[in-house]
Amino acid sequence: ATDWSPDGQTVLYNLQADDGTYDVWAAAADGSRTWPLVAAAGHQVDARFSPDGRSIAYAGTESGRMEIYVRTP
């Protein structure tokens, strides 16, 4: 796990894809479901929620080099 949402309802984590890269996934705290948040070419890792829970930041290699990205979940 890389982070919990501010409301405690969602956890972010990295999941290794079949090609060996990593994507950002989310899971409901009660274990009822999981879903991909960021699944792009290259690695996407270390996602964190903003303090208000409205966006996430993560490190990714979508551009070909490691950069920080911010997006809404």
Protein backbone atom coordinates (compact mmCIF):
# COMPACT_ATOMS: atom_id res chain seq x y z
CA ALA A 1 0.00 0.00 0.00
CA THR A 2 1.19 3.50 -0.78
CA ASP A 3 -1.56 5.63 0.83
CA TRP A 4 -5.03 5.72 2.41
CA SER A 5 -7.68 8.24 1.38
CA PRO A 6 -8.38 10.98 3.93
CA ASP A 7 -11.81 9.46 4.63
CA GLY A 8 -10.26 6.02 5.23
CA GLN A 9 -12.41 4.36 2.56
CA THR A 10 -9.80 3.68 -0.16
CA VAL A 11 -6.24 2.41 -0.23
CA LEU A 12 -3.81 2.98 -3.11
CA TYR A 13 -1.24 0.36 -4.08
CA ASN A 14 1.04 -0.74 -6.92
CA LEU A 15 0.28 -3.84 -8.94
CA GLN A 16 2.73 -5.42 -11.35
CA ALA A 17 1.34 -5.86 -14.85
CA ASP A 18 2.04 -8.87 -17.08
CA ASP A 19 4.79 -6.92 -18.88
CA GLY A 20 6.68 -6.29 -15.62
CA THR A 21 5.72 -2.63 -15.24
CA TYR A 22 3.74 -1.27 -12.31
CA ASP A 23 0.37 0.46 -12.29
CA VAL A 24 -1.56 2.33 -9.59
CA TRP A 25 -4.60 0.49 -8.30
CA ALA A 26 -7.16 1.29 -5.62
CA ALA A 27 -9.10 -0.93 -3.26
CA ALA A 28 -12.12 -0.29 -1.08
CA ALA A 29 -11.14 -0.50 2.57
CA ASP A 30 -13.84 -3.10 3.17
CA GLY A 31 -12.33 -5.35 0.47
CA SER A 32 -15.44 -5.21 -1.71
CA ARG A 33 -13.66 -4.14 -4.92
CA THR A 34 -10.42 -3.12 -6.61
CA TRP A 35 -9.90 -1.00 -9.71
CA PRO A 36 -7.06 0.46 -11.78
CA LEU A 37 -6.46 4.19 -11.35
CA VAL A 38 -3.44 4.67 -13.60
CA ALA A 39 -2.53 2.02 -16.15
CA ALA A 40 -0.35 3.59 -18.83
CA ALA A 41 2.81 2.68 -20.68
CA GLY A 42 5.78 2.38 -18.35
CA HIS A 43 5.79 2.45 -14.56
CA GLN A 44 3.32 4.33 -12.34
CA VAL A 45 4.23 4.10 -8.65
CA ASP A 46 4.02 5.65 -5.17
CA ALA A 47 0.60 7.29 -5.48
CA ARG A 48 -0.53 9.61 -2.70
CA PHE A 49 -3.86 11.34 -2.07
CA SER A 50 -4.01 15.10 -1.70
CA PRO A 51 -5.08 16.18 1.81
CA ASP A 52 -8.64 16.82 0.60
CA GLY A 53 -8.78 13.50 -1.32
CA ARG A 54 -9.73 15.18 -4.60
CA SER A 55 -6.56 14.30 -6.49
CA ILE A 56 -3.63 11.92 -6.43
CA ALA A 57 0.03 12.45 -7.25
CA TYR A 58 2.23 9.62 -8.49
CA ALA A 59 5.61 9.04 -10.09
CA GLY A 60 5.48 7.70 -13.62
CA THR A 61 7.53 7.09 -16.72
CA GLU A 62 4.79 7.89 -19.23
CA SER A 63 7.04 10.47 -20.92
CA GLY A 64 10.02 8.13 -21.04
CA ARG A 65 11.60 9.47 -17.86
CA MET A 66 10.44 9.48 -14.23
CA GLU A 67 8.21 12.50 -13.54
CA ILE A 68 5.50 13.46 -11.04
CA TYR A 69 1.91 13.52 -12.30
CA VAL A 70 -1.26 14.81 -10.63
CA ARG A 71 -4.74 13.70 -11.61
CA THR A 72 -8.22 13.20 -10.21
CA PRO A 73 -8.99 9.65 -9.08
